[in-house]
Amino acid sequence: MVREIVVVEDPRLRTKCPRVPKVDDSTRRLIDDMVDTMRDAPGIGLAAPQVGVLLRVIVCEVDEHLHALVNPEIVRAEGEQVGDEGCLSIPGYVGEVKRFERVVVKAKNRAGKEVRVRAEGLLARCLQHEIDHIDGILFTDRLTNPDTLRKVAPEDAGEAVAGPAAAEAVGVGAAGTASGAVGAEAAAV
């Protein structure tokens, strides 16, 4: 079932989510709904707070490989990549964010089994973005510079069309923080 995506003004996006005590049928239904919502948007990642559920659950789909993770945490990270991110909860904006190039994420899968995901490049960026969401952190908090935040038209993703007024609309302050959300390299996360 496709759920409504929570947007930047909603305080749930700024909440650190509690761990899921047990993976059960309600967790699996949430995962299924999140996947449906992410694909419908369309995006490459989604975190439970983005559909109004304050739990540590994320989904990412990169290169046609779906990762549904419960209680994810980064256990190893290395390297550096800088690139544009966007977010389904901050529609129409992208900005430059520095992330780790490679990560290892420990989590439980939809069956409740512990898994480790080794990721690099876009998948690593997506996982970091979504894990930030469940910690109440938005991509606009991690901009390399507030000036990199720009408005993009849905039909012209990638073309900068805004200046300081766009940053103000998303709540970016002088330090580069904002009350926004995240996505990855011209794809909304």
C-alpha atoms as a PDB file:
ATOM      1  CA  MET A   1       0.000   0.000   0.000  1.00  0.00           C
ATOM      2  CA  VAL A   2       1.358   3.416  -0.959  1.00  0.00           C
ATOM      3  CA  ARG A   3       1.523   5.757   2.028  1.00  0.00           C
ATOM      4  CA  GLU A   4       1.701   9.533   2.152  1.00  0.00           C
ATOM      5  CA  ILE A   5       5.253  10.911   2.335  1.00  0.00           C
ATOM      6  CA  VAL A   6       5.901  13.288   5.230  1.00  0.00           C
ATOM      7  CA  VAL A   7       7.476  16.580   4.125  1.00  0.00           C
ATOM      8  CA  VAL A   8      10.033  18.898   5.649  1.00  0.00           C
ATOM      9  CA  GLU A   9       7.806  20.841   8.053  1.00  0.00           C
ATOM     10  CA  ASP A  10       6.754  17.691   9.940  1.00  0.00           C
ATOM     11  CA  PRO A  11       8.577  17.340  13.312  1.00  0.00           C
ATOM     12  CA  ARG A  12       8.659  13.535  12.973  1.00  0.00           C
ATOM     13  CA  LEU A  13      11.502  14.005  10.474  1.00  0.00           C
ATOM     14  CA  ARG A  14      13.586  15.451  13.333  1.00  0.00           C
ATOM     15  CA  THR A  15      12.973  12.585  15.753  1.00  0.00           C
ATOM     16  CA  LYS A  16      15.544   9.930  16.626  1.00  0.00           C
ATOM     17  CA  CYS A  17      13.597   6.705  16.198  1.00  0.00           C
ATOM     18  CA  PRO A  18      13.560   3.848  18.719  1.00  0.00           C
ATOM     19  CA  ARG A  19      14.766   0.374  17.780  1.00  0.00           C
ATOM     20  CA  VAL A  20      12.286  -2.220  16.569  1.00  0.00           C
ATOM     21  CA  PRO A  21      12.038  -4.717  19.456  1.00  0.00           C
ATOM     22  CA  LYS A  22      10.992  -7.669  17.268  1.00  0.00           C
ATOM     23  CA  VAL A  23      10.581  -8.171  13.530  1.00  0.00           C
ATOM     24  CA  ASP A  24       7.015  -9.415  13.087  1.00  0.00           C
ATOM     25  CA  ASP A  25       4.141  -9.236  10.605  1.00  0.00           C
ATOM     26  CA  SER A  26       3.512  -5.541  11.333  1.00  0.00           C
ATOM     27  CA  THR A  27       7.191  -4.808  10.579  1.00  0.00           C
ATOM     28  CA  ARG A  28       6.963  -6.741   7.315  1.00  0.00           C
ATOM     29  CA  ARG A  29       3.761  -4.862   6.347  1.00  0.00           C
ATOM     30  CA  LEU A  30       5.564  -1.577   7.036  1.00  0.00           C
ATOM     31  CA  ILE A  31       8.496  -2.688   4.858  1.00  0.00           C
ATOM     32  CA  ASP A  32       6.138  -3.682   2.021  1.00  0.00           C
ATOM     33  CA  ASP A  33       4.317  -0.339   2.249  1.00  0.00           C
ATOM     34  CA  MET A  34       7.624   1.547   2.282  1.00  0.00           C
ATOM     35  CA  VAL A  35       8.830  -0.289  -0.834  1.00  0.00           C
ATOM     36  CA  ASP A  36       5.530   0.460  -2.616  1.00  0.00           C
ATOM     37  CA  THR A  37       5.754   4.127  -1.571  1.00  0.00           C
ATOM     38  CA  MET A  38       9.426   4.474  -2.597  1.00  0.00           C
ATOM     39  CA  ARG A  39       8.809   2.954  -6.019  1.00  0.00           C
ATOM     40  CA  ASP A  40       5.656   5.006  -6.568  1.00  0.00           C
ATOM     41  CA  ALA A  41       7.396   8.308  -5.713  1.00  0.00           C
ATOM     42  CA  PRO A  42       9.802   7.300  -7.467  1.00  0.00           C
ATOM     43  CA  GLY A  43      12.899   7.165  -5.291  1.00  0.00           C
ATOM     44  CA  ILE A  44      15.808   4.894  -4.388  1.00  0.00           C
ATOM     45  CA  GLY A  45      15.421   4.962  -0.601  1.00  0.00           C
ATOM     46  CA  LEU A  46      12.941   5.637   2.166  1.00  0.00           C
ATOM     47  CA  ALA A  47      13.008   5.640   5.964  1.00  0.00           C
ATOM     48  CA  ALA A  48      10.053   4.874   8.230  1.00  0.00           C
ATOM     49  CA  PRO A  49       9.775   8.469   9.578  1.00  0.00           C
ATOM     50  CA  GLN A  50       9.153   9.600   5.999  1.00  0.00           C
ATOM     51  CA  VAL A  51       5.856   7.711   6.107  1.00  0.00           C
ATOM     52  CA  GLY A  52       5.122   8.920   9.635  1.00  0.00           C
ATOM     53  CA  VAL A  53       6.310   5.807  11.512  1.00  0.00           C
ATOM     54  CA  LEU A  54       8.915   6.430  14.206  1.00  0.00           C
ATOM     55  CA  LEU A  55      10.837   3.153  13.954  1.00  0.00           C
ATOM     56  CA  ARG A  56      14.344   2.236  12.768  1.00  0.00           C
ATOM     57  CA  VAL A  57      13.381   0.745   9.394  1.00  0.00           C
ATOM     58  CA  ILE A  58      14.803   1.713   5.991  1.00  0.00           C
ATOM     59  CA  VAL A  59      14.571   0.505   2.405  1.00  0.00           C
ATOM     60  CA  CYS A  60      17.004   1.175  -0.454  1.00  0.00           C
ATOM     61  CA  GLU A  61      16.875  -0.040  -4.043  1.00  0.00           C
ATOM     62  CA  VAL A  62      19.942   0.546  -6.192  1.00  0.00           C
ATOM     63  CA  ASP A  63      20.776  -1.312  -9.410  1.00  0.00           C
ATOM     64  CA  GLU A  64      17.539  -3.306  -9.054  1.00  0.00           C
ATOM     65  CA  HIS A  65      18.691  -4.779  -5.733  1.00  0.00           C
ATOM     66  CA  LEU A  66      16.362  -4.141  -2.795  1.00  0.00           C
ATOM     67  CA  HIS A  67      17.620  -3.830   0.788  1.00  0.00           C
ATOM     68  CA  ALA A  68      15.014  -3.755   3.581  1.00  0.00           C
ATOM     69  CA  LEU A  69      16.794  -3.196   6.898  1.00  0.00           C
ATOM     70  CA  VAL A  70      15.557  -3.105  10.487  1.00  0.00           C
ATOM     71  CA  ASN A  71      17.665  -1.399  13.183  1.00  0.00           C
ATOM     72  CA  PRO A  72      20.498  -0.617  10.735  1.00  0.00           C
ATOM     73  CA  GLU A  73      23.795   0.741  12.006  1.00  0.00           C
ATOM     74  CA  ILE A  74      27.038   1.553  10.261  1.00  0.00           C
ATOM     75  CA  VAL A  75      29.794  -0.614  11.707  1.00  0.00           C
ATOM     76  CA  ARG A  76      32.566   0.344   9.285  1.00  0.00           C
ATOM     77  CA  ALA A  77      33.110   3.294   6.953  1.00  0.00           C
ATOM     78  CA  GLU A  78      35.963   4.491   4.779  1.00  0.00           C
ATOM     79  CA  GLY A  79      36.807   6.776   1.910  1.00  0.00           C
ATOM     80  CA  GLU A  80      34.960   9.861   0.803  1.00  0.00           C
ATOM     81  CA  GLN A  81      32.555  10.825  -1.951  1.00  0.00           C
ATOM     82  CA  VAL A  82      30.931  14.178  -2.659  1.00  0.00           C
ATOM     83  CA  GLY A  83      27.771  14.371  -4.722  1.00  0.00           C
ATOM     84  CA  ASP A  84      24.287  15.788  -5.083  1.00  0.00           C
ATOM     85  CA  GLU A  85      21.464  14.407  -2.971  1.00  0.00           C
ATOM     86  CA  GLY A  86      17.756  15.028  -2.962  1.00  0.00           C
ATOM     87  CA  CYS A  87      14.968  13.761  -0.754  1.00  0.00           C
ATOM     88  CA  LEU A  88      11.389  12.640  -1.165  1.00  0.00           C
ATOM     89  CA  SER A  89      10.578  14.659   1.967  1.00  0.00           C
ATOM     90  CA  ILE A  90      12.160  17.810   0.498  1.00  0.00           C
ATOM     91  CA  PRO A  91      10.709  17.705  -3.003  1.00  0.00           C
ATOM     92  CA  GLY A  92      12.300  19.847  -5.676  1.00  0.00           C
ATOM     93  CA  TYR A  93      15.666  20.493  -3.969  1.00  0.00           C
ATOM     94  CA  VAL A  94      19.131  18.995  -4.308  1.00  0.00           C
ATOM     95  CA  GLY A  95      22.407  19.869  -2.656  1.00  0.00           C
ATOM     96  CA  GLU A  96      25.998  18.688  -2.401  1.00  0.00           C
ATOM     97  CA  VAL A  97      26.740  16.289   0.473  1.00  0.00           C
ATOM     98  CA  LYS A  98      29.963  14.546   1.546  1.00  0.00           C
ATOM     99  CA  ARG A  99      29.519  10.883   2.493  1.00  0.00           C
ATOM    100  CA  PHE A 100      31.693   7.816   3.067  1.00  0.00           C
ATOM    101  CA  GLU A 101      32.541   5.988  -0.158  1.00  0.00           C
ATOM    102  CA  ARG A 102      32.205   2.534   1.425  1.00  0.00           C
ATOM    103  CA  VAL A 103      30.208   1.324   4.424  1.00  0.00           C
ATOM    104  CA  VAL A 104      29.306  -1.899   6.168  1.00  0.00           C
ATOM    105  CA  VAL A 105      25.842  -1.818   7.726  1.00  0.00           C
ATOM    106  CA  LYS A 106      24.650  -4.328  10.321  1.00  0.00           C
ATOM    107  CA  ALA A 107      20.887  -4.844  10.581  1.00  0.00           C
ATOM    108  CA  LYS A 108      18.096  -7.384  10.630  1.00  0.00           C
ATOM    109  CA  ASN A 109      16.300  -8.380   7.449  1.00  0.00           C
ATOM    110  CA  ARG A 110      12.544  -8.830   7.042  1.00  0.00           C
ATOM    111  CA  ALA A 111      12.817 -12.352   8.509  1.00  0.00           C
ATOM    112  CA  GLY A 112      14.519 -11.018  11.664  1.00  0.00           C
ATOM    113  CA  LYS A 113      17.884 -12.541  10.712  1.00  0.00           C
ATOM    114  CA  GLU A 114      21.025 -10.455  11.318  1.00  0.00           C
ATOM    115  CA  VAL A 115      22.682  -9.381   8.066  1.00  0.00           C
ATOM    116  CA  ARG A 116      25.613  -7.234   6.999  1.00  0.00           C
ATOM    117  CA  VAL A 117      25.470  -5.135   3.849  1.00  0.00           C
ATOM    118  CA  ARG A 118      28.754  -4.080   2.257  1.00  0.00           C
ATOM    119  CA  ALA A 119      28.105  -1.079   0.046  1.00  0.00           C
ATOM    120  CA  GLU A 120      29.983   1.470  -2.005  1.00  0.00           C
ATOM    121  CA  GLY A 121      29.135   4.389  -4.232  1.00  0.00           C
ATOM    122  CA  LEU A 122      25.440   5.164  -4.658  1.00  0.00           C
ATOM    123  CA  LEU A 123      24.225   2.350  -2.402  1.00  0.00           C
ATOM    124  CA  ALA A 124      26.582   3.515   0.368  1.00  0.00           C
ATOM    125  CA  ARG A 125      25.262   7.072  -0.071  1.00  0.00           C
ATOM    126  CA  CYS A 126      21.646   5.879   0.033  1.00  0.00           C
ATOM    127  CA  LEU A 127      22.169   3.786   3.182  1.00  0.00           C
ATOM    128  CA  GLN A 128      23.860   6.699   4.975  1.00  0.00           C
ATOM    129  CA  HIS A 129      21.078   9.068   3.912  1.00  0.00           C
ATOM    130  CA  GLU A 130      18.331   6.755   5.189  1.00  0.00           C
ATOM    131  CA  ILE A 131      20.143   5.950   8.440  1.00  0.00           C
ATOM    132  CA  ASP A 132      20.438   9.705   8.991  1.00  0.00           C
ATOM    133  CA  HIS A 133      16.631   9.904   8.640  1.00  0.00           C
ATOM    134  CA  ILE A 134      16.035   7.453  11.487  1.00  0.00           C
ATOM    135  CA  ASP A 135      18.391   9.589  13.608  1.00  0.00           C
ATOM    136  CA  GLY A 136      16.411  12.776  12.824  1.00  0.00           C
ATOM    137  CA  ILE A 137      19.103  14.131  10.469  1.00  0.00           C
ATOM    138  CA  LEU A 138      18.310  15.496   7.015  1.00  0.00           C
ATOM    139  CA  PHE A 139      20.609  15.810   4.004  1.00  0.00           C
ATOM    140  CA  THR A 140      20.327  19.572   4.285  1.00  0.00           C
ATOM    141  CA  ASP A 141      22.117  19.278   7.659  1.00  0.00           C
ATOM    142  CA  ARG A 142      25.114  17.792   5.856  1.00  0.00           C
ATOM    143  CA  LEU A 143      25.469  20.164   2.908  1.00  0.00           C
ATOM    144  CA  THR A 144      29.108  20.878   2.049  1.00  0.00           C
ATOM    145  CA  ASN A 145      28.009  24.501   1.746  1.00  0.00           C
ATOM    146  CA  PRO A 146      24.509  26.028   2.038  1.00  0.00           C
ATOM    147  CA  ASP A 147      25.045  27.629  -1.376  1.00  0.00           C
ATOM    148  CA  THR A 148      24.952  24.177  -3.018  1.00  0.00           C
ATOM    149  CA  LEU A 149      21.238  23.771  -2.191  1.00  0.00           C
ATOM    150  CA  ARG A 150      19.253  24.510  -5.309  1.00  0.00           C
ATOM    151  CA  LYS A 151      15.726  24.128  -6.577  1.00  0.00           C
ATOM    152  CA  VAL A 152      15.174  21.806  -9.509  1.00  0.00           C
ATOM    153  CA  ALA A 153      12.096  21.459 -11.641  1.00  0.00           C
ATOM    154  CA  PRO A 154      10.735  17.900 -11.620  1.00  0.00           C
ATOM    155  CA  GLU A 155      11.042  17.715 -15.407  1.00  0.00           C
ATOM    156  CA  ASP A 156      14.571  19.215 -15.330  1.00  0.00           C
ATOM    157  CA  ALA A 157      16.152  17.323 -12.435  1.00  0.00           C
ATOM    158  CA  GLY A 158      19.725  18.476 -12.227  1.00  0.00           C
ATOM    159  CA  GLU A 159      19.240  22.045 -13.493  1.00  0.00           C
ATOM    160  CA  ALA A 160      19.763  24.658 -10.777  1.00  0.00           C
ATOM    161  CA  VAL A 161      16.993  27.241 -10.788  1.00  0.00           C
ATOM    162  CA  ALA A 162      17.144  28.847  -7.359  1.00  0.00           C
ATOM    163  CA  GLY A 163      19.330  30.974  -5.144  1.00  0.00           C
ATOM    164  CA  PRO A 164      19.177  32.100  -1.488  1.00  0.00           C
ATOM    165  CA  ALA A 165      15.379  32.187  -1.497  1.00  0.00           C
ATOM    166  CA  ALA A 166      15.333  28.429  -2.064  1.00  0.00           C
ATOM    167  CA  ALA A 167      17.549  27.865   0.957  1.00  0.00           C
ATOM    168  CA  GLU A 168      15.211  30.002   3.035  1.00  0.00           C
ATOM    169  CA  ALA A 169      12.167  28.033   1.858  1.00  0.00           C
ATOM    170  CA  VAL A 170      13.707  24.782   3.129  1.00  0.00           C
ATOM    171  CA  GLY A 171      14.961  26.376   6.323  1.00  0.00           C
ATOM    172  CA  VAL A 172      18.711  26.388   5.656  1.00  0.00           C
ATOM    173  CA  GLY A 173      20.478  28.637   8.108  1.00  0.00           C
ATOM    174  CA  ALA A 174      23.878  30.268   7.975  1.00  0.00           C
ATOM    175  CA  ALA A 175      25.559  27.112   9.257  1.00  0.00           C
ATOM    176  CA  GLY A 176      24.048  25.078   6.433  1.00  0.00           C
ATOM    177  CA  THR A 177      21.547  23.182   8.535  1.00  0.00           C
ATOM    178  CA  ALA A 178      17.937  22.831   7.587  1.00  0.00           C
ATOM    179  CA  SER A 179      14.699  21.181   8.378  1.00  0.00           C
ATOM    180  CA  GLY A 180      14.757  19.070   5.225  1.00  0.00           C
ATOM    181  CA  ALA A 181      15.271  15.472   4.015  1.00  0.00           C
ATOM    182  CA  VAL A 182      17.412  13.458   1.560  1.00  0.00           C
ATOM    183  CA  GLY A 183      17.989  11.612  -1.797  1.00  0.00           C
ATOM    184  CA  ALA A 184      20.912  10.554  -3.969  1.00  0.00           C
ATOM    185  CA  GLU A 185      22.597  11.753  -7.138  1.00  0.00           C
ATOM    186  CA  ALA A 186      19.632  13.123  -9.059  1.00  0.00           C
ATOM    187  CA  ALA A 187      17.483  10.344  -7.630  1.00  0.00           C
ATOM    188  CA  ALA A 188      15.365  11.133  -4.618  1.00  0.00           C
ATOM    189  CA  VAL A 189      16.197   9.093  -1.559  1.00  0.00           C
END
